[in-house]
Amino acid sequence: MSDKKKLVEIEETRLAYMAGVLLKEIAEGLSRREIEFATEDGTVKVAVPKDVEIEYSVERKEKDGEAKTKLEIEISWKSC
C-alpha cells in the first residue's frame, strides 16, 4: 500500500532573480544532503541520500503569436 504525504507545496510568481536564489538554496541543500524549506508552520527538513534521480525538460508553447516557456526539474530518491 502506498502512503503519500505532501510536505511542502508553494506556487507563486517571483522575480527571476529570486527564483534563482531559491534554486541555489536547493542546490546547496542537495550538496549537504539535507534540504530545508521554510513554511508558515516552521522549517521542514528533508534528508537526501548519496544518489538521486534527476529529470529535466524545457518546453516552448506558441499560441496566438505569444510563447510560453516552461522549465521542469524533478529530483527524486528512495528514502529508508
PDB file of N, CA and C in Angstrom:
ATOM      1  N   MET A   1       0.837  -1.190   0.000  1.00  0.00           N
ATOM      2  CA  MET A   1       0.000   0.000   0.000  1.00  0.00           C
ATOM      3  C   MET A   1       0.874   1.243   0.000  1.00  0.00           C
ATOM      4  N   SER A   2       0.535   2.213  -0.795  1.00  0.00           N
ATOM      5  CA  SER A   2       1.296   3.445  -0.923  1.00  0.00           C
ATOM      6  C   SER A   2       0.750   4.518   0.019  1.00  0.00           C
ATOM      7  N   ASP A   3       1.654   5.199   0.697  1.00  0.00           N
ATOM      8  CA  ASP A   3       1.263   6.280   1.606  1.00  0.00           C
ATOM      9  C   ASP A   3       2.023   7.532   1.182  1.00  0.00           C
ATOM     10  N   LYS A   4       1.315   8.494   0.613  1.00  0.00           N
ATOM     11  CA  LYS A   4       1.922   9.697   0.060  1.00  0.00           C
ATOM     12  C   LYS A   4       1.546  10.896   0.915  1.00  0.00           C
ATOM     13  N   LYS A   5       2.540  11.689   1.312  1.00  0.00           N
ATOM     14  CA  LYS A   5       2.286  12.868   2.138  1.00  0.00           C
ATOM     15  C   LYS A   5       3.015  14.064   1.530  1.00  0.00           C
ATOM     16  N   LYS A   6       2.272  15.118   1.216  1.00  0.00           N
ATOM     17  CA  LYS A   6       2.873  16.329   0.660  1.00  0.00           C
ATOM     18  C   LYS A   6       3.483  17.119   1.804  1.00  0.00           C
ATOM     19  N   LEU A   7       4.800  17.314   1.776  1.00  0.00           N
ATOM     20  CA  LEU A   7       5.498  18.023   2.845  1.00  0.00           C
ATOM     21  C   LEU A   7       5.474  19.535   2.639  1.00  0.00           C
ATOM     22  N   VAL A   8       5.645  19.978   1.398  1.00  0.00           N
ATOM     23  CA  VAL A   8       5.677  21.413   1.082  1.00  0.00           C
ATOM     24  C   VAL A   8       5.112  21.598  -0.323  1.00  0.00           C
ATOM     25  N   GLU A   9       4.292  22.628  -0.518  1.00  0.00           N
ATOM     26  CA  GLU A   9       3.828  22.982  -1.860  1.00  0.00           C
ATOM     27  C   GLU A   9       3.638  24.493  -1.909  1.00  0.00           C
ATOM     28  N   ILE A  10       4.349  25.115  -2.827  1.00  0.00           N
ATOM     29  CA  ILE A  10       4.243  26.566  -2.999  1.00  0.00           C
ATOM     30  C   ILE A  10       4.149  26.842  -4.493  1.00  0.00           C
ATOM     31  N   GLU A  11       3.200  27.667  -4.871  1.00  0.00           N
ATOM     32  CA  GLU A  11       3.074  28.108  -6.254  1.00  0.00           C
ATOM     33  C   GLU A  11       2.865  29.608  -6.218  1.00  0.00           C
ATOM     34  N   GLU A  12       3.825  30.357  -6.775  1.00  0.00           N
ATOM     35  CA  GLU A  12       3.753  31.809  -6.711  1.00  0.00           C
ATOM     36  C   GLU A  12       4.546  32.422  -7.859  1.00  0.00           C
ATOM     37  N   THR A  13       4.352  33.703  -8.080  1.00  0.00           N
ATOM     38  CA  THR A  13       5.136  34.448  -9.055  1.00  0.00           C
ATOM     39  C   THR A  13       6.264  35.144  -8.304  1.00  0.00           C
ATOM     40  N   ARG A  14       7.481  35.004  -8.837  1.00  0.00           N
ATOM     41  CA  ARG A  14       8.664  35.631  -8.228  1.00  0.00           C
ATOM     42  C   ARG A  14       9.473  36.326  -9.321  1.00  0.00           C
ATOM     43  N   LEU A  15      10.315  37.246  -8.900  1.00  0.00           N
ATOM     44  CA  LEU A  15      11.304  37.778  -9.825  1.00  0.00           C
ATOM     45  C   LEU A  15      12.226  36.636 -10.234  1.00  0.00           C
ATOM     46  N   ALA A  16      12.734  36.649 -11.465  1.00  0.00           N
ATOM     47  CA  ALA A  16      13.633  35.598 -11.937  1.00  0.00           C
ATOM     48  C   ALA A  16      14.842  35.476 -11.011  1.00  0.00           C
ATOM     49  N   TYR A  17      15.346  36.609 -10.534  1.00  0.00           N
ATOM     50  CA  TYR A  17      16.485  36.602  -9.607  1.00  0.00           C
ATOM     51  C   TYR A  17      16.154  35.810  -8.345  1.00  0.00           C
ATOM     52  N   MET A  18      14.959  36.025  -7.781  1.00  0.00           N
ATOM     53  CA  MET A  18      14.566  35.340  -6.552  1.00  0.00           C
ATOM     54  C   MET A  18      14.340  33.842  -6.805  1.00  0.00           C
ATOM     55  N   ALA A  19      13.866  33.493  -7.994  1.00  0.00           N
ATOM     56  CA  ALA A  19      13.741  32.082  -8.348  1.00  0.00           C
ATOM     57  C   ALA A  19      15.132  31.445  -8.392  1.00  0.00           C
ATOM     58  N   GLY A  20      16.106  32.194  -8.898  1.00  0.00           N
ATOM     59  CA  GLY A  20      17.497  31.725  -8.922  1.00  0.00           C
ATOM     60  C   GLY A  20      18.051  31.521  -7.525  1.00  0.00           C
ATOM     61  N   VAL A  21      17.720  32.430  -6.609  1.00  0.00           N
ATOM     62  CA  VAL A  21      18.160  32.292  -5.219  1.00  0.00           C
ATOM     63  C   VAL A  21      17.579  31.010  -4.618  1.00  0.00           C
ATOM     64  N   LEU A  22      16.311  30.742  -4.875  1.00  0.00           N
ATOM     65  CA  LEU A  22      15.678  29.521  -4.374  1.00  0.00           C
ATOM     66  C   LEU A  22      16.377  28.287  -4.930  1.00  0.00           C
ATOM     67  N   LEU A  23      16.668  28.283  -6.232  1.00  0.00           N
ATOM     68  CA  LEU A  23      17.349  27.143  -6.831  1.00  0.00           C
ATOM     69  C   LEU A  23      18.742  26.947  -6.235  1.00  0.00           C
ATOM     70  N   LYS A  24      19.451  28.047  -5.943  1.00  0.00           N
ATOM     71  CA  LYS A  24      20.767  27.940  -5.305  1.00  0.00           C
ATOM     72  C   LYS A  24      20.652  27.328  -3.919  1.00  0.00           C
ATOM     73  N   GLU A  25      19.625  27.724  -3.163  1.00  0.00           N
ATOM     74  CA  GLU A  25      19.418  27.164  -1.824  1.00  0.00           C
ATOM     75  C   GLU A  25      19.136  25.667  -1.906  1.00  0.00           C
ATOM     76  N   ILE A  26      18.337  25.266  -2.878  1.00  0.00           N
ATOM     77  CA  ILE A  26      18.048  23.848  -3.059  1.00  0.00           C
ATOM     78  C   ILE A  26      19.325  23.102  -3.463  1.00  0.00           C
ATOM     79  N   ALA A  27      20.117  23.690  -4.369  1.00  0.00           N
ATOM     80  CA  ALA A  27      21.370  23.064  -4.798  1.00  0.00           C
ATOM     81  C   ALA A  27      22.333  22.896  -3.622  1.00  0.00           C
ATOM     82  N   GLU A  28      22.425  23.908  -2.772  1.00  0.00           N
ATOM     83  CA  GLU A  28      23.291  23.815  -1.594  1.00  0.00           C
ATOM     84  C   GLU A  28      22.799  22.706  -0.658  1.00  0.00           C
ATOM     85  N   GLY A  29      21.477  22.598  -0.497  1.00  0.00           N
ATOM     86  CA  GLY A  29      20.910  21.542   0.332  1.00  0.00           C
ATOM     87  C   GLY A  29      21.211  20.159  -0.231  1.00  0.00           C
ATOM     88  N   LEU A  30      21.118  20.007  -1.546  1.00  0.00           N
ATOM     89  CA  LEU A  30      21.463  18.730  -2.169  1.00  0.00           C
ATOM     90  C   LEU A  30      22.928  18.389  -1.912  1.00  0.00           C
ATOM     91  N   SER A  31      23.805  19.383  -1.991  1.00  0.00           N
ATOM     92  CA  SER A  31      25.232  19.159  -1.739  1.00  0.00           C
ATOM     93  C   SER A  31      25.485  18.741  -0.297  1.00  0.00           C
ATOM     94  N   ARG A  32      24.706  19.304   0.634  1.00  0.00           N
ATOM     95  CA  ARG A  32      24.825  18.960   2.064  1.00  0.00           C
ATOM     96  C   ARG A  32      24.077  17.677   2.405  1.00  0.00           C
ATOM     97  N   ARG A  33      23.229  17.238   1.469  1.00  0.00           N
ATOM     98  CA  ARG A  33      22.369  16.057   1.631  1.00  0.00           C
ATOM     99  C   ARG A  33      21.280  16.287   2.666  1.00  0.00           C
ATOM    100  N   GLU A  34      20.866  17.554   2.806  1.00  0.00           N
ATOM    101  CA  GLU A  34      19.699  17.901   3.613  1.00  0.00           C
ATOM    102  C   GLU A  34      19.157  19.238   3.099  1.00  0.00           C
ATOM    103  N   ILE A  35      17.901  19.233   2.674  1.00  0.00           N
ATOM    104  CA  ILE A  35      17.271  20.451   2.155  1.00  0.00           C
ATOM    105  C   ILE A  35      16.299  20.967   3.201  1.00  0.00           C
ATOM    106  N   GLU A  36      16.329  22.290   3.424  1.00  0.00           N
ATOM    107  CA  GLU A  36      15.422  22.928   4.378  1.00  0.00           C
ATOM    108  C   GLU A  36      14.454  23.831   3.625  1.00  0.00           C
ATOM    109  N   PHE A  37      13.174  23.733   4.000  1.00  0.00           N
ATOM    110  CA  PHE A  37      12.149  24.576   3.418  1.00  0.00           C
ATOM    111  C   PHE A  37      11.469  25.341   4.541  1.00  0.00           C
ATOM    112  N   ALA A  38      11.371  26.663   4.409  1.00  0.00           N
ATOM    113  CA  ALA A  38      10.662  27.485   5.391  1.00  0.00           C
ATOM    114  C   ALA A  38       9.189  27.536   5.000  1.00  0.00           C
ATOM    115  N   THR A  39       8.307  27.185   5.938  1.00  0.00           N
ATOM    116  CA  THR A  39       6.867  27.230   5.694  1.00  0.00           C
ATOM    117  C   THR A  39       6.203  28.047   6.793  1.00  0.00           C
ATOM    118  N   GLU A  40       4.922  28.290   6.640  1.00  0.00           N
ATOM    119  CA  GLU A  40       4.172  29.018   7.671  1.00  0.00           C
ATOM    120  C   GLU A  40       4.163  28.258   8.997  1.00  0.00           C
ATOM    121  N   ASP A  41       4.266  26.937   8.912  1.00  0.00           N
ATOM    122  CA  ASP A  41       4.230  26.090  10.107  1.00  0.00           C
ATOM    123  C   ASP A  41       5.610  25.814  10.685  1.00  0.00           C
ATOM    124  N   GLY A  42       6.650  26.379  10.088  1.00  0.00           N
ATOM    125  CA  GLY A  42       8.015  26.154  10.562  1.00  0.00           C
ATOM    126  C   GLY A  42       8.887  25.593   9.458  1.00  0.00           C
ATOM    127  N   THR A  43      10.046  25.111   9.843  1.00  0.00           N
ATOM    128  CA  THR A  43      11.010  24.588   8.882  1.00  0.00           C
ATOM    129  C   THR A  43      10.779  23.098   8.665  1.00  0.00           C
ATOM    130  N   VAL A  44      10.823  22.700   7.398  1.00  0.00           N
ATOM    131  CA  VAL A  44      10.724  21.291   7.031  1.00  0.00           C
ATOM    132  C   VAL A  44      12.092  20.883   6.499  1.00  0.00           C
ATOM    133  N   LYS A  45      12.688  19.861   7.104  1.00  0.00           N
ATOM    134  CA  LYS A  45      13.984  19.352   6.657  1.00  0.00           C
ATOM    135  C   LYS A  45      13.779  18.004   5.985  1.00  0.00           C
ATOM    136  N   VAL A  46      14.453  17.834   4.845  1.00  0.00           N
ATOM    137  CA  VAL A  46      14.340  16.592   4.079  1.00  0.00           C
ATOM    138  C   VAL A  46      15.746  16.038   3.864  1.00  0.00           C
ATOM    139  N   ALA A  47      15.979  14.827   4.347  1.00  0.00           N
ATOM    140  CA  ALA A  47      17.271  14.162   4.159  1.00  0.00           C
ATOM    141  C   ALA A  47      17.389  13.675   2.714  1.00  0.00           C
ATOM    142  N   VAL A  48      18.582  13.794   2.163  1.00  0.00           N
ATOM    143  CA  VAL A  48      18.841  13.401   0.776  1.00  0.00           C
ATOM    144  C   VAL A  48      19.950  12.347   0.772  1.00  0.00           C
ATOM    145  N   PRO A  49      19.732  11.207   0.119  1.00  0.00           N
ATOM    146  CA  PRO A  49      20.779  10.177   0.069  1.00  0.00           C
ATOM    147  C   PRO A  49      21.894  10.554  -0.907  1.00  0.00           C
ATOM    148  N   LYS A  50      22.879   9.708  -0.971  1.00  0.00           N
ATOM    149  CA  LYS A  50      24.029   9.942  -1.844  1.00  0.00           C
ATOM    150  C   LYS A  50      23.639   9.983  -3.319  1.00  0.00           C
ATOM    151  N   ASP A  51      22.737   9.104  -3.740  1.00  0.00           N
ATOM    152  CA  ASP A  51      22.327   9.017  -5.148  1.00  0.00           C
ATOM    153  C   ASP A  51      20.879   9.455  -5.313  1.00  0.00           C
ATOM    154  N   VAL A  52      20.637  10.295  -6.313  1.00  0.00           N
ATOM    155  CA  VAL A  52      19.284  10.765  -6.628  1.00  0.00           C
ATOM    156  C   VAL A  52      19.044  10.591  -8.129  1.00  0.00           C
ATOM    157  N   GLU A  53      17.781  10.561  -8.501  1.00  0.00           N
ATOM    158  CA  GLU A  53      17.410  10.529  -9.917  1.00  0.00           C
ATOM    159  C   GLU A  53      17.000  11.940 -10.311  1.00  0.00           C
ATOM    160  N   ILE A  54      17.436  12.382 -11.480  1.00  0.00           N
ATOM    161  CA  ILE A  54      17.099  13.730 -11.937  1.00  0.00           C
ATOM    162  C   ILE A  54      16.548  13.673 -13.353  1.00  0.00           C
ATOM    163  N   GLU A  55      15.520  14.470 -13.575  1.00  0.00           N
ATOM    164  CA  GLU A  55      14.875  14.557 -14.886  1.00  0.00           C
ATOM    165  C   GLU A  55      14.560  16.030 -15.119  1.00  0.00           C
ATOM    166  N   TYR A  56      14.883  16.543 -16.296  1.00  0.00           N
ATOM    167  CA  TYR A  56      14.536  17.931 -16.586  1.00  0.00           C
ATOM    168  C   TYR A  56      14.168  18.086 -18.048  1.00  0.00           C
ATOM    169  N   SER A  57      13.357  19.113 -18.303  1.00  0.00           N
ATOM    170  CA  SER A  57      12.947  19.390 -19.676  1.00  0.00           C
ATOM    171  C   SER A  57      12.649  20.882 -19.818  1.00  0.00           C
ATOM    172  N   VAL A  58      12.768  21.355 -21.036  1.00  0.00           N
ATOM    173  CA  VAL A  58      12.403  22.731 -21.380  1.00  0.00           C
ATOM    174  C   VAL A  58      11.437  22.643 -22.553  1.00  0.00           C
ATOM    175  N   GLU A  59      10.289  23.305 -22.401  1.00  0.00           N
ATOM    176  CA  GLU A  59       9.264  23.281 -23.448  1.00  0.00           C
ATOM    177  C   GLU A  59       8.875  24.711 -23.814  1.00  0.00           C
ATOM    178  N   ARG A  60       8.548  24.903 -25.080  1.00  0.00           N
ATOM    179  CA  ARG A  60       8.027  26.189 -25.532  1.00  0.00           C
ATOM    180  C   ARG A  60       6.732  25.937 -26.280  1.00  0.00           C
ATOM    181  N   LYS A  61       5.696  26.657 -25.868  1.00  0.00           N
ATOM    182  CA  LYS A  61       4.385  26.522 -26.494  1.00  0.00           C
ATOM    183  C   LYS A  61       4.015  27.872 -27.090  1.00  0.00           C
ATOM    184  N   GLU A  62       3.694  27.889 -28.376  1.00  0.00           N
ATOM    185  CA  GLU A  62       3.310  29.127 -29.035  1.00  0.00           C
ATOM    186  C   GLU A  62       1.825  29.090 -29.375  1.00  0.00           C
ATOM    187  N   LYS A  63       1.158  30.198 -29.079  1.00  0.00           N
ATOM    188  CA  LYS A  63      -0.274  30.291 -29.350  1.00  0.00           C
ATOM    189  C   LYS A  63      -0.627  31.758 -29.573  1.00  0.00           C
ATOM    190  N   ASP A  64      -1.315  32.036 -30.635  1.00  0.00           N
ATOM    191  CA  ASP A  64      -1.782  33.389 -30.948  1.00  0.00           C
ATOM    192  C   ASP A  64      -0.658  34.424 -30.891  1.00  0.00           C
ATOM    193  N   GLY A  65       0.511  34.060 -31.434  1.00  0.00           N
ATOM    194  CA  GLY A  65       1.618  34.999 -31.508  1.00  0.00           C
ATOM    195  C   GLY A  65       2.383  35.182 -30.200  1.00  0.00           C
ATOM    196  N   GLU A  66       2.007  34.480 -29.144  1.00  0.00           N
ATOM    197  CA  GLU A  66       2.727  34.551 -27.867  1.00  0.00           C
ATOM    198  C   GLU A  66       3.357  33.200 -27.569  1.00  0.00           C
ATOM    199  N   ALA A  67       4.457  33.230 -26.852  1.00  0.00           N
ATOM    200  CA  ALA A  67       5.130  31.991 -26.496  1.00  0.00           C
ATOM    201  C   ALA A  67       5.230  31.880 -24.979  1.00  0.00           C
ATOM    202  N   LYS A  68       5.068  30.672 -24.495  1.00  0.00           N
ATOM    203  CA  LYS A  68       5.241  30.392 -23.076  1.00  0.00           C
ATOM    204  C   LYS A  68       6.308  29.306 -22.967  1.00  0.00           C
ATOM    205  N   THR A  69       7.338  29.571 -22.167  1.00  0.00           N
ATOM    206  CA  THR A  69       8.422  28.624 -21.971  1.00  0.00           C
ATOM    207  C   THR A  69       8.324  28.049 -20.564  1.00  0.00           C
ATOM    208  N   LYS A  70       8.564  26.759 -20.474  1.00  0.00           N
ATOM    209  CA  LYS A  70       8.426  26.063 -19.195  1.00  0.00           C
ATOM    210  C   LYS A  70       9.663  25.205 -18.945  1.00  0.00           C
ATOM    211  N   LEU A  71      10.276  25.379 -17.777  1.00  0.00           N
ATOM    212  CA  LEU A  71      11.401  24.571 -17.330  1.00  0.00           C
ATOM    213  C   LEU A  71      10.904  23.701 -16.187  1.00  0.00           C
ATOM    214  N   GLU A  72      11.034  22.403 -16.335  1.00  0.00           N
ATOM    215  CA  GLU A  72      10.640  21.478 -15.277  1.00  0.00           C
ATOM    216  C   GLU A  72      11.869  20.715 -14.808  1.00  0.00           C
ATOM    217  N   ILE A  73      12.064  20.676 -13.493  1.00  0.00           N
ATOM    218  CA  ILE A  73      13.161  19.921 -12.900  1.00  0.00           C
ATOM    219  C   ILE A  73      12.552  19.002 -11.848  1.00  0.00           C
ATOM    220  N   GLU A  74      12.832  17.730 -11.961  1.00  0.00           N
ATOM    221  CA  GLU A  74      12.326  16.767 -10.984  1.00  0.00           C
ATOM    222  C   GLU A  74      13.504  15.968 -10.437  1.00  0.00           C
ATOM    223  N   ILE A  75      13.643  15.976  -9.124  1.00  0.00           N
ATOM    224  CA  ILE A  75      14.689  15.219  -8.453  1.00  0.00           C
ATOM    225  C   ILE A  75      13.993  14.289  -7.467  1.00  0.00           C
ATOM    226  N   SER A  76      14.280  13.018  -7.540  1.00  0.00           N
ATOM    227  CA  SER A  76      13.625  12.066  -6.648  1.00  0.00           C
ATOM    228  C   SER A  76      14.639  11.073  -6.108  1.00  0.00           C
ATOM    229  N   TRP A  77      14.256  10.413  -5.006  1.00  0.00           N
ATOM    230  CA  TRP A  77      15.109   9.401  -4.395  1.00  0.00           C
ATOM    231  C   TRP A  77      14.265   8.511  -3.508  1.00  0.00           C
ATOM    232  N   LYS A  78      14.831   7.384  -3.189  1.00  0.00           N
ATOM    233  CA  LYS A  78      14.164   6.455  -2.283  1.00  0.00           C
ATOM    234  C   LYS A  78      14.671   6.720  -0.881  1.00  0.00           C
ATOM    235  N   SER A  79      13.742   6.826   0.054  1.00  0.00           N
ATOM    236  CA  SER A  79      14.084   7.047   1.450  1.00  0.00           C
ATOM    237  C   SER A  79      13.961   5.730   2.199  1.00  0.00           C
ATOM    238  N   CYS A  80      14.789   5.581   3.186  1.00  0.00           N
ATOM    239  CA  CYS A  80      14.706   4.370   4.022  1.00  0.00           C
ATOM    240  C   CYS A  80      13.813   4.615   5.217  1.00  0.00           C
TER     241      CYS A  80
END
